[in-house]
């Protein structure tokens, strides 16, 4: 039984008990302390894997759509028409997550839900499809595979697996996110180039105690056009500090120094310089694997 079917059954029971009153399974029984992150009888598993950071993001690939999961449908009195493609999708809203209540049960795609896989539920994105979900509060982002329907709650845009929510640091409850569709057939975007620093842009290297001995610092200033890895951009220093602390706590060997760049009202966190773009790519994979933070290459 898919989540959509269970929602409709629960809705019917609620309507029968309450007469003409409405019933929302994402409202009734949710945890008010954290704004409704999950059902009272849902939540994390008793023994989640110890290596959640090592669980890789979903890898986009071209897949045939599931016909039964992409037909127009009605849930809780509202009609939904699934999209034909996710490649141009852009959305913002609240993300929630679901865990042990559905773990091991069929999703709308017919696949078994694994709360420790990098998957998600969405009301209208094609099944299956791939999206990048980003948490603007901390700069983290993940790639998930959409294989389920939901959430059916006003304001909520996507329902994440436990691991995806853990990587984004949204286990406390619903959190604003951005969702960007991925075209599996599109080429990898070229590195984003940044202009050289101007007088209004100051660069400060923040000294963080390494967990292990780091490589010897390069003598002299880096050359113009050096490659860096940008890990986030924030409207204040709080989010930048969180990202830097997370990287420092989880990665303590041999990577170049973290830097804060104040560009007008924006605070950017970058790592570098790297000797080559290939080294920056390797560092990006390590950072995302260990911290869940998706970085991208820039030059300055």
C-alpha atoms as a PDB file:
ATOM      1  CA  UNK A   1       0.000   0.000   0.000  1.00  0.00           C
ATOM      2  CA  UNK A   2       1.534   3.318  -1.076  1.00  0.00           C
ATOM      3  CA  UNK A   3       1.731   6.416   1.098  1.00  0.00           C
ATOM      4  CA  UNK A   4      -0.912   8.111  -1.071  1.00  0.00           C
ATOM      5  CA  UNK A   5      -3.329   5.240  -0.461  1.00  0.00           C
ATOM      6  CA  UNK A   6      -2.623   5.277   3.267  1.00  0.00           C
ATOM      7  CA  UNK A   7      -3.201   9.027   3.365  1.00  0.00           C
ATOM      8  CA  UNK A   8      -6.570   8.624   1.652  1.00  0.00           C
ATOM      9  CA  UNK A   9      -7.629   5.808   3.994  1.00  0.00           C
ATOM     10  CA  UNK A  10      -6.655   7.869   7.022  1.00  0.00           C
ATOM     11  CA  UNK A  11      -8.444  10.876   5.588  1.00  0.00           C
ATOM     12  CA  UNK A  12     -11.611   8.860   5.065  1.00  0.00           C
ATOM     13  CA  UNK A  13     -11.518   7.569   8.645  1.00  0.00           C
ATOM     14  CA  UNK A  14     -11.010  11.097   9.929  1.00  0.00           C
ATOM     15  CA  UNK A  15     -13.923  12.444   7.909  1.00  0.00           C
ATOM     16  CA  UNK A  16     -16.188   9.674   9.102  1.00  0.00           C
ATOM     17  CA  UNK A  17     -15.356  10.436  12.729  1.00  0.00           C
ATOM     18  CA  UNK A  18     -15.481  14.203  12.484  1.00  0.00           C
ATOM     19  CA  UNK A  19     -18.470  14.723  10.205  1.00  0.00           C
ATOM     20  CA  UNK A  20     -17.741  17.635   7.892  1.00  0.00           C
ATOM     21  CA  UNK A  21     -14.504  18.691   9.574  1.00  0.00           C
ATOM     22  CA  UNK A  22     -11.294  18.387   7.564  1.00  0.00           C
ATOM     23  CA  UNK A  23      -8.480  15.995   8.465  1.00  0.00           C
ATOM     24  CA  UNK A  24      -4.813  16.349   7.548  1.00  0.00           C
ATOM     25  CA  UNK A  25      -2.500  13.446   8.418  1.00  0.00           C
ATOM     26  CA  UNK A  26       0.419  15.870   8.387  1.00  0.00           C
ATOM     27  CA  UNK A  27      -1.259  17.988  11.067  1.00  0.00           C
ATOM     28  CA  UNK A  28      -2.935  15.486  13.350  1.00  0.00           C
ATOM     29  CA  UNK A  29      -0.405  13.775  15.562  1.00  0.00           C
ATOM     30  CA  UNK A  30       2.670  15.791  14.571  1.00  0.00           C
ATOM     31  CA  UNK A  31       5.199  16.964  17.118  1.00  0.00           C
ATOM     32  CA  UNK A  32       4.283  20.574  18.021  1.00  0.00           C
ATOM     33  CA  UNK A  33       7.600  21.143  19.785  1.00  0.00           C
ATOM     34  CA  UNK A  34       9.521  21.225  16.531  1.00  0.00           C
ATOM     35  CA  UNK A  35       6.851  22.511  14.177  1.00  0.00           C
ATOM     36  CA  UNK A  36       5.698  19.155  12.831  1.00  0.00           C
ATOM     37  CA  UNK A  37       8.840  17.369  11.704  1.00  0.00           C
ATOM     38  CA  UNK A  38       7.224  13.915  11.833  1.00  0.00           C
ATOM     39  CA  UNK A  39       4.388  11.889  13.324  1.00  0.00           C
ATOM     40  CA  UNK A  40       4.387  11.088  17.032  1.00  0.00           C
ATOM     41  CA  UNK A  41       4.894   7.421  16.171  1.00  0.00           C
ATOM     42  CA  UNK A  42       7.419   8.174  13.459  1.00  0.00           C
ATOM     43  CA  UNK A  43      10.966   9.443  13.791  1.00  0.00           C
ATOM     44  CA  UNK A  44      14.468   7.976  13.632  1.00  0.00           C
ATOM     45  CA  UNK A  45      15.170   4.289  13.894  1.00  0.00           C
ATOM     46  CA  UNK A  46      16.327   2.707  17.119  1.00  0.00           C
ATOM     47  CA  UNK A  47      19.816   2.051  15.764  1.00  0.00           C
ATOM     48  CA  UNK A  48      20.639   4.369  12.828  1.00  0.00           C
ATOM     49  CA  UNK A  49      23.867   3.550  10.967  1.00  0.00           C
ATOM     50  CA  UNK A  50      26.983   5.090  12.475  1.00  0.00           C
ATOM     51  CA  UNK A  51      28.297   6.121   9.053  1.00  0.00           C
ATOM     52  CA  UNK A  52      25.498   8.373   7.802  1.00  0.00           C
ATOM     53  CA  UNK A  53      28.072  10.855   6.462  1.00  0.00           C
ATOM     54  CA  UNK A  54      29.520   8.129   4.245  1.00  0.00           C
ATOM     55  CA  UNK A  55      26.183   7.310   2.587  1.00  0.00           C
ATOM     56  CA  UNK A  56      26.549   8.789  -0.912  1.00  0.00           C
ATOM     57  CA  UNK A  57      24.052  11.090  -2.537  1.00  0.00           C
ATOM     58  CA  UNK A  58      21.809   9.687  -5.229  1.00  0.00           C
ATOM     59  CA  UNK A  59      23.548   9.531  -8.614  1.00  0.00           C
ATOM     60  CA  UNK A  60      21.300  10.948 -11.356  1.00  0.00           C
ATOM     61  CA  UNK A  61      20.702   8.656 -14.305  1.00  0.00           C
ATOM     62  CA  UNK A  62      18.097   8.395 -17.026  1.00  0.00           C
ATOM     63  CA  UNK A  63      15.290   6.075 -15.954  1.00  0.00           C
ATOM     64  CA  UNK A  64      11.887   5.248 -17.462  1.00  0.00           C
ATOM     65  CA  UNK A  65       8.996   6.795 -15.559  1.00  0.00           C
ATOM     66  CA  UNK A  66       6.656   4.599 -13.538  1.00  0.00           C
ATOM     67  CA  UNK A  67       3.332   4.884 -15.388  1.00  0.00           C
ATOM     68  CA  UNK A  68       1.134   4.123 -12.382  1.00  0.00           C
ATOM     69  CA  UNK A  69       2.947   6.645 -10.195  1.00  0.00           C
ATOM     70  CA  UNK A  70       2.718   9.514 -12.695  1.00  0.00           C
ATOM     71  CA  UNK A  71      -1.005   9.663 -13.350  1.00  0.00           C
ATOM     72  CA  UNK A  72      -3.119  12.585 -12.070  1.00  0.00           C
ATOM     73  CA  UNK A  73      -4.492  11.826  -8.619  1.00  0.00           C
ATOM     74  CA  UNK A  74      -6.418  13.333  -5.708  1.00  0.00           C
ATOM     75  CA  UNK A  75      -5.204  13.429  -2.108  1.00  0.00           C
ATOM     76  CA  UNK A  76      -7.158  14.960   0.770  1.00  0.00           C
ATOM     77  CA  UNK A  77      -9.519  16.722  -1.619  1.00  0.00           C
ATOM     78  CA  UNK A  78      -6.817  18.293  -3.790  1.00  0.00           C
ATOM     79  CA  UNK A  79      -5.979  17.331  -7.385  1.00  0.00           C
ATOM     80  CA  UNK A  80      -2.363  16.787  -8.421  1.00  0.00           C
ATOM     81  CA  UNK A  81      -0.934  16.377 -11.927  1.00  0.00           C
ATOM     82  CA  UNK A  82       2.637  15.013 -12.010  1.00  0.00           C
ATOM     83  CA  UNK A  83       5.185  16.844 -14.151  1.00  0.00           C
ATOM     84  CA  UNK A  84       6.598  15.277 -17.281  1.00  0.00           C
ATOM     85  CA  UNK A  85      10.183  16.232 -16.402  1.00  0.00           C
ATOM     86  CA  UNK A  86      12.170  17.570 -13.459  1.00  0.00           C
ATOM     87  CA  UNK A  87      14.948  19.276 -15.422  1.00  0.00           C
ATOM     88  CA  UNK A  88      13.440  22.791 -15.289  1.00  0.00           C
ATOM     89  CA  UNK A  89      11.916  22.489 -11.836  1.00  0.00           C
ATOM     90  CA  UNK A  90      12.689  25.187  -9.254  1.00  0.00           C
ATOM     91  CA  UNK A  91      10.881  25.425  -5.949  1.00  0.00           C
ATOM     92  CA  UNK A  92      11.101  26.854  -2.461  1.00  0.00           C
ATOM     93  CA  UNK A  93       9.200  25.781   0.627  1.00  0.00           C
ATOM     94  CA  UNK A  94       9.343  23.783   3.818  1.00  0.00           C
ATOM     95  CA  UNK A  95      10.979  20.367   3.923  1.00  0.00           C
ATOM     96  CA  UNK A  96       9.887  17.649   6.323  1.00  0.00           C
ATOM     97  CA  UNK A  97      11.077  14.064   6.670  1.00  0.00           C
ATOM     98  CA  UNK A  98       9.707  10.608   7.389  1.00  0.00           C
ATOM     99  CA  UNK A  99      11.323   7.655   9.073  1.00  0.00           C
ATOM    100  CA  UNK A 100      10.501   4.417  10.840  1.00  0.00           C
ATOM    101  CA  UNK A 101       6.726   4.618  10.345  1.00  0.00           C
ATOM    102  CA  UNK A 102       7.218   3.936   6.629  1.00  0.00           C
ATOM    103  CA  UNK A 103      10.591   2.154   6.697  1.00  0.00           C
ATOM    104  CA  UNK A 104      10.336  -1.144   4.810  1.00  0.00           C
ATOM    105  CA  UNK A 105       6.921  -0.316   3.325  1.00  0.00           C
ATOM    106  CA  UNK A 106       6.083   0.286  -0.357  1.00  0.00           C
ATOM    107  CA  UNK A 107       6.467   3.773  -1.790  1.00  0.00           C
ATOM    108  CA  UNK A 108       4.285   5.204  -4.558  1.00  0.00           C
ATOM    109  CA  UNK A 109       6.830   3.850  -7.049  1.00  0.00           C
ATOM    110  CA  UNK A 110       6.318   0.324  -5.714  1.00  0.00           C
ATOM    111  CA  UNK A 111       9.854   0.284  -4.302  1.00  0.00           C
ATOM    112  CA  UNK A 112      10.441  -0.366  -0.615  1.00  0.00           C
ATOM    113  CA  UNK A 113      11.114   2.763   1.428  1.00  0.00           C
ATOM    114  CA  UNK A 114      14.561   2.858   3.005  1.00  0.00           C
ATOM    115  CA  UNK A 115      14.878   5.719   5.489  1.00  0.00           C
ATOM    116  CA  UNK A 116      18.672   5.472   5.229  1.00  0.00           C
ATOM    117  CA  UNK A 117      18.799   5.871   1.433  1.00  0.00           C
ATOM    118  CA  UNK A 118      18.958   9.250  -0.299  1.00  0.00           C
ATOM    119  CA  UNK A 119      15.352   9.501  -1.452  1.00  0.00           C
ATOM    120  CA  UNK A 120      12.399  11.862  -1.180  1.00  0.00           C
ATOM    121  CA  UNK A 121       8.669  12.248  -1.707  1.00  0.00           C
ATOM    122  CA  UNK A 122       7.133  15.064  -3.752  1.00  0.00           C
ATOM    123  CA  UNK A 123       3.535  15.755  -4.811  1.00  0.00           C
ATOM    124  CA  UNK A 124       4.185  16.359  -8.526  1.00  0.00           C
ATOM    125  CA  UNK A 125       7.782  15.644  -9.545  1.00  0.00           C
ATOM    126  CA  UNK A 126       8.115  12.654 -11.890  1.00  0.00           C
ATOM    127  CA  UNK A 127       8.736   9.249 -10.331  1.00  0.00           C
ATOM    128  CA  UNK A 128      11.590   8.567 -10.526  1.00  0.00           C
ATOM    129  CA  UNK A 129      13.494  11.833 -10.844  1.00  0.00           C
ATOM    130  CA  UNK A 130      16.436  13.575  -9.212  1.00  0.00           C
ATOM    131  CA  UNK A 131      16.671  16.920  -7.459  1.00  0.00           C
ATOM    132  CA  UNK A 132      19.178  18.905  -5.430  1.00  0.00           C
ATOM    133  CA  UNK A 133      17.786  20.070  -2.094  1.00  0.00           C
ATOM    134  CA  UNK A 134      19.621  22.944  -0.393  1.00  0.00           C
ATOM    135  CA  UNK A 135      19.348  24.378   3.105  1.00  0.00           C
ATOM    136  CA  UNK A 136      20.116  28.119   2.777  1.00  0.00           C
ATOM    137  CA  UNK A 137      20.627  28.458   6.528  1.00  0.00           C
ATOM    138  CA  UNK A 138      23.816  26.414   6.530  1.00  0.00           C
ATOM    139  CA  UNK A 139      24.816  26.091   2.882  1.00  0.00           C
ATOM    140  CA  UNK A 140      24.386  22.312   2.785  1.00  0.00           C
ATOM    141  CA  UNK A 141      22.840  20.515  -0.168  1.00  0.00           C
ATOM    142  CA  UNK A 142      22.129  16.930  -1.183  1.00  0.00           C
ATOM    143  CA  UNK A 143      20.997  15.066  -4.280  1.00  0.00           C
ATOM    144  CA  UNK A 144      18.026  12.758  -3.746  1.00  0.00           C
ATOM    145  CA  UNK A 145      15.962  10.435  -5.904  1.00  0.00           C
ATOM    146  CA  UNK A 146      12.223  11.122  -5.846  1.00  0.00           C
ATOM    147  CA  UNK A 147      10.377   7.792  -5.620  1.00  0.00           C
ATOM    148  CA  UNK A 148       7.330   8.611  -3.475  1.00  0.00           C
ATOM    149  CA  UNK A 149       4.361  10.984  -3.182  1.00  0.00           C
ATOM    150  CA  UNK A 150       3.827  13.573  -0.429  1.00  0.00           C
ATOM    151  CA  UNK A 151       3.838  15.666   1.656  1.00  0.00           C
ATOM    152  CA  UNK A 152       0.183  16.698   1.448  1.00  0.00           C
ATOM    153  CA  UNK A 153       0.413  19.690   3.743  1.00  0.00           C
ATOM    154  CA  UNK A 154       0.175  23.357   2.748  1.00  0.00           C
ATOM    155  CA  UNK A 155       3.553  25.030   2.593  1.00  0.00           C
ATOM    156  CA  UNK A 156       5.588  21.837   2.527  1.00  0.00           C
ATOM    157  CA  UNK A 157       7.439  21.171  -0.695  1.00  0.00           C
ATOM    158  CA  UNK A 158       9.302  17.897  -0.136  1.00  0.00           C
ATOM    159  CA  UNK A 159       9.474  14.980   2.298  1.00  0.00           C
ATOM    160  CA  UNK A 160      13.013  13.684   2.784  1.00  0.00           C
ATOM    161  CA  UNK A 161      14.427  10.407   3.973  1.00  0.00           C
ATOM    162  CA  UNK A 162      16.040  10.356   7.416  1.00  0.00           C
ATOM    163  CA  UNK A 163      19.585  10.388   6.010  1.00  0.00           C
ATOM    164  CA  UNK A 164      18.882  13.261   3.603  1.00  0.00           C
ATOM    165  CA  UNK A 165      17.364  15.282   6.443  1.00  0.00           C
ATOM    166  CA  UNK A 166      20.336  14.452   8.674  1.00  0.00           C
ATOM    167  CA  UNK A 167      22.798  15.654   6.038  1.00  0.00           C
ATOM    168  CA  UNK A 168      20.878  18.927   5.677  1.00  0.00           C
ATOM    169  CA  UNK A 169      20.567  19.294   9.473  1.00  0.00           C
ATOM    170  CA  UNK A 170      16.774  19.548   9.431  1.00  0.00           C
ATOM    171  CA  UNK A 171      15.905  16.677  11.772  1.00  0.00           C
ATOM    172  CA  UNK A 172      14.607  19.209  14.329  1.00  0.00           C
ATOM    173  CA  UNK A 173      11.561  19.876  12.182  1.00  0.00           C
ATOM    174  CA  UNK A 174      10.278  21.542   9.022  1.00  0.00           C
ATOM    175  CA  UNK A 175      12.895  23.837   7.483  1.00  0.00           C
ATOM    176  CA  UNK A 176      12.912  26.185   4.454  1.00  0.00           C
ATOM    177  CA  UNK A 177      14.765  24.679   1.495  1.00  0.00           C
ATOM    178  CA  UNK A 178      15.225  25.178  -2.217  1.00  0.00           C
ATOM    179  CA  UNK A 179      14.626  22.299  -4.623  1.00  0.00           C
ATOM    180  CA  UNK A 180      16.239  22.226  -8.070  1.00  0.00           C
ATOM    181  CA  UNK A 181      15.476  19.599 -10.682  1.00  0.00           C
ATOM    182  CA  UNK A 182      18.347  17.709 -12.304  1.00  0.00           C
ATOM    183  CA  UNK A 183      18.519  16.650 -15.942  1.00  0.00           C
ATOM    184  CA  UNK A 184      20.480  13.352 -15.948  1.00  0.00           C
ATOM    185  CA  UNK A 185      21.342  13.852 -19.614  1.00  0.00           C
ATOM    186  CA  UNK A 186      22.808  17.324 -19.203  1.00  0.00           C
ATOM    187  CA  UNK A 187      26.603  17.774 -19.141  1.00  0.00           C
ATOM    188  CA  UNK A 188      28.297  18.695 -15.876  1.00  0.00           C
ATOM    189  CA  UNK A 189      28.265  22.509 -15.492  1.00  0.00           C
ATOM    190  CA  UNK A 190      31.577  24.272 -16.035  1.00  0.00           C
ATOM    191  CA  UNK A 191      33.299  25.773 -12.999  1.00  0.00           C
ATOM    192  CA  UNK A 192      31.900  29.151 -11.974  1.00  0.00           C
ATOM    193  CA  UNK A 193      34.524  31.883 -12.305  1.00  0.00           C
ATOM    194  CA  UNK A 194      34.733  34.714  -9.776  1.00  0.00           C
ATOM    195  CA  UNK A 195      36.252  38.119 -10.478  1.00  0.00           C
ATOM    196  CA  UNK A 196      39.452  39.079  -8.718  1.00  0.00           C
ATOM    197  CA  UNK A 197      38.949  40.667  -5.266  1.00  0.00           C
ATOM    198  CA  UNK A 198      38.298  44.368  -5.229  1.00  0.00           C
ATOM    199  CA  UNK A 199      38.897  46.936  -2.529  1.00  0.00           C
ATOM    200  CA  UNK A 200      35.401  46.243  -1.173  1.00  0.00           C
ATOM    201  CA  UNK A 201      36.212  42.542  -0.784  1.00  0.00           C
ATOM    202  CA  UNK A 202      38.378  41.512   2.124  1.00  0.00           C
ATOM    203  CA  UNK A 203      39.814  38.045   2.620  1.00  0.00           C
ATOM    204  CA  UNK A 204      40.541  36.720   6.080  1.00  0.00           C
ATOM    205  CA  UNK A 205      42.031  33.296   6.725  1.00  0.00           C
ATOM    206  CA  UNK A 206      40.521  31.796   9.851  1.00  0.00           C
ATOM    207  CA  UNK A 207      42.914  29.697  11.913  1.00  0.00           C
ATOM    208  CA  UNK A 208      41.211  26.446  12.974  1.00  0.00           C
ATOM    209  CA  UNK A 209      43.027  23.830  15.069  1.00  0.00           C
ATOM    210  CA  UNK A 210      43.444  20.767  12.816  1.00  0.00           C
ATOM    211  CA  UNK A 211      42.380  17.359  14.044  1.00  0.00           C
ATOM    212  CA  UNK A 212      45.503  15.935  12.416  1.00  0.00           C
ATOM    213  CA  UNK A 213      48.723  17.558  11.133  1.00  0.00           C
ATOM    214  CA  UNK A 214      48.077  19.558   7.990  1.00  0.00           C
ATOM    215  CA  UNK A 215      50.282  20.098   4.986  1.00  0.00           C
ATOM    216  CA  UNK A 216      52.886  22.836   5.079  1.00  0.00           C
ATOM    217  CA  UNK A 217      51.433  26.165   4.017  1.00  0.00           C
ATOM    218  CA  UNK A 218      52.508  27.525   0.649  1.00  0.00           C
ATOM    219  CA  UNK A 219      54.903  30.456   0.933  1.00  0.00           C
ATOM    220  CA  UNK A 220      53.802  33.802  -0.478  1.00  0.00           C
ATOM    221  CA  UNK A 221      50.428  34.938  -1.811  1.00  0.00           C
ATOM    222  CA  UNK A 222      48.531  32.623  -4.186  1.00  0.00           C
ATOM    223  CA  UNK A 223      48.785  33.428  -7.891  1.00  0.00           C
ATOM    224  CA  UNK A 224      45.970  35.237  -9.667  1.00  0.00           C
ATOM    225  CA  UNK A 225      43.402  32.842 -11.080  1.00  0.00           C
ATOM    226  CA  UNK A 226      43.993  30.244  -8.370  1.00  0.00           C
ATOM    227  CA  UNK A 227      41.311  27.573  -7.822  1.00  0.00           C
ATOM    228  CA  UNK A 228      39.230  27.568  -4.641  1.00  0.00           C
ATOM    229  CA  UNK A 229      36.304  25.507  -3.386  1.00  0.00           C
ATOM    230  CA  UNK A 230      33.295  27.553  -2.282  1.00  0.00           C
ATOM    231  CA  UNK A 231      31.328  25.866   0.509  1.00  0.00           C
ATOM    232  CA  UNK A 232      28.608  28.442   1.099  1.00  0.00           C
ATOM    233  CA  UNK A 233      27.458  32.057   0.899  1.00  0.00           C
ATOM    234  CA  UNK A 234      25.520  33.676   3.737  1.00  0.00           C
ATOM    235  CA  UNK A 235      23.875  36.944   4.695  1.00  0.00           C
ATOM    236  CA  UNK A 236      25.621  36.933   8.078  1.00  0.00           C
ATOM    237  CA  UNK A 237      28.547  35.277   9.794  1.00  0.00           C
ATOM    238  CA  UNK A 238      26.528  32.751  11.781  1.00  0.00           C
ATOM    239  CA  UNK A 239      25.934  30.355   8.912  1.00  0.00           C
ATOM    240  CA  UNK A 240      29.524  30.762   7.727  1.00  0.00           C
ATOM    241  CA  UNK A 241      30.809  29.874  11.191  1.00  0.00           C
ATOM    242  CA  UNK A 242      28.643  26.738  11.287  1.00  0.00           C
ATOM    243  CA  UNK A 243      29.998  25.527   7.963  1.00  0.00           C
ATOM    244  CA  UNK A 244      33.593  26.205   8.965  1.00  0.00           C
ATOM    245  CA  UNK A 245      33.150  24.464  12.290  1.00  0.00           C
ATOM    246  CA  UNK A 246      31.532  21.421  10.648  1.00  0.00           C
ATOM    247  CA  UNK A 247      34.382  21.088   8.156  1.00  0.00           C
ATOM    248  CA  UNK A 248      36.966  21.513  10.899  1.00  0.00           C
ATOM    249  CA  UNK A 249      35.300  18.872  13.086  1.00  0.00           C
ATOM    250  CA  UNK A 250      34.890  16.251  10.364  1.00  0.00           C
ATOM    251  CA  UNK A 251      37.935  16.798   8.152  1.00  0.00           C
ATOM    252  CA  UNK A 252      41.317  17.272   9.738  1.00  0.00           C
ATOM    253  CA  UNK A 253      43.947  16.201   7.276  1.00  0.00           C
ATOM    254  CA  UNK A 254      45.883  17.989   4.628  1.00  0.00           C
ATOM    255  CA  UNK A 255      43.229  20.190   2.993  1.00  0.00           C
ATOM    256  CA  UNK A 256      43.975  23.875   2.354  1.00  0.00           C
ATOM    257  CA  UNK A 257      42.878  26.526   4.816  1.00  0.00           C
ATOM    258  CA  UNK A 258      39.284  27.729   5.152  1.00  0.00           C
ATOM    259  CA  UNK A 259      38.691  31.368   4.333  1.00  0.00           C
ATOM    260  CA  UNK A 260      35.909  33.886   4.938  1.00  0.00           C
ATOM    261  CA  UNK A 261      35.294  36.440   2.202  1.00  0.00           C
ATOM    262  CA  UNK A 262      33.206  39.503   2.989  1.00  0.00           C
ATOM    263  CA  UNK A 263      31.702  40.640  -0.317  1.00  0.00           C
ATOM    264  CA  UNK A 264      29.374  43.523   0.420  1.00  0.00           C
ATOM    265  CA  UNK A 265      26.684  42.076   2.695  1.00  0.00           C
ATOM    266  CA  UNK A 266      27.523  38.464   1.770  1.00  0.00           C
ATOM    267  CA  UNK A 267      29.880  36.208   3.703  1.00  0.00           C
ATOM    268  CA  UNK A 268      31.429  33.440   1.595  1.00  0.00           C
ATOM    269  CA  UNK A 269      33.271  30.387   2.899  1.00  0.00           C
ATOM    270  CA  UNK A 270      36.010  29.079   0.615  1.00  0.00           C
ATOM    271  CA  UNK A 271      38.796  26.534   0.849  1.00  0.00           C
ATOM    272  CA  UNK A 272      42.055  26.908  -1.011  1.00  0.00           C
ATOM    273  CA  UNK A 273      44.005  27.647  -3.012  1.00  0.00           C
ATOM    274  CA  UNK A 274      44.451  24.306  -4.739  1.00  0.00           C
ATOM    275  CA  UNK A 275      47.338  23.381  -6.978  1.00  0.00           C
ATOM    276  CA  UNK A 276      44.958  22.312  -9.743  1.00  0.00           C
ATOM    277  CA  UNK A 277      41.233  22.028 -10.527  1.00  0.00           C
ATOM    278  CA  UNK A 278      41.606  18.243 -10.247  1.00  0.00           C
ATOM    279  CA  UNK A 279      42.762  18.575  -6.627  1.00  0.00           C
ATOM    280  CA  UNK A 280      39.801  20.864  -5.939  1.00  0.00           C
ATOM    281  CA  UNK A 281      37.470  18.192  -7.388  1.00  0.00           C
ATOM    282  CA  UNK A 282      38.959  15.562  -5.083  1.00  0.00           C
ATOM    283  CA  UNK A 283      38.582  17.870  -2.091  1.00  0.00           C
ATOM    284  CA  UNK A 284      34.965  18.614  -3.051  1.00  0.00           C
ATOM    285  CA  UNK A 285      34.174  14.889  -3.049  1.00  0.00           C
ATOM    286  CA  UNK A 286      35.799  14.454   0.355  1.00  0.00           C
ATOM    287  CA  UNK A 287      34.019  17.459   1.860  1.00  0.00           C
ATOM    288  CA  UNK A 288      30.619  16.322   0.583  1.00  0.00           C
ATOM    289  CA  UNK A 289      31.225  12.741   1.680  1.00  0.00           C
ATOM    290  CA  UNK A 290      32.314  13.729   5.192  1.00  0.00           C
ATOM    291  CA  UNK A 291      30.073  16.730   5.870  1.00  0.00           C
ATOM    292  CA  UNK A 292      27.189  16.707   3.387  1.00  0.00           C
ATOM    293  CA  UNK A 293      28.266  20.157   2.145  1.00  0.00           C
ATOM    294  CA  UNK A 294      28.287  20.493  -1.637  1.00  0.00           C
ATOM    295  CA  UNK A 295      31.101  22.767  -2.797  1.00  0.00           C
ATOM    296  CA  UNK A 296      31.877  24.114  -6.239  1.00  0.00           C
ATOM    297  CA  UNK A 297      35.041  25.444  -7.844  1.00  0.00           C
ATOM    298  CA  UNK A 298      35.715  29.151  -8.250  1.00  0.00           C
ATOM    299  CA  UNK A 299      38.766  31.115  -9.349  1.00  0.00           C
ATOM    300  CA  UNK A 300      40.079  34.419  -8.076  1.00  0.00           C
END
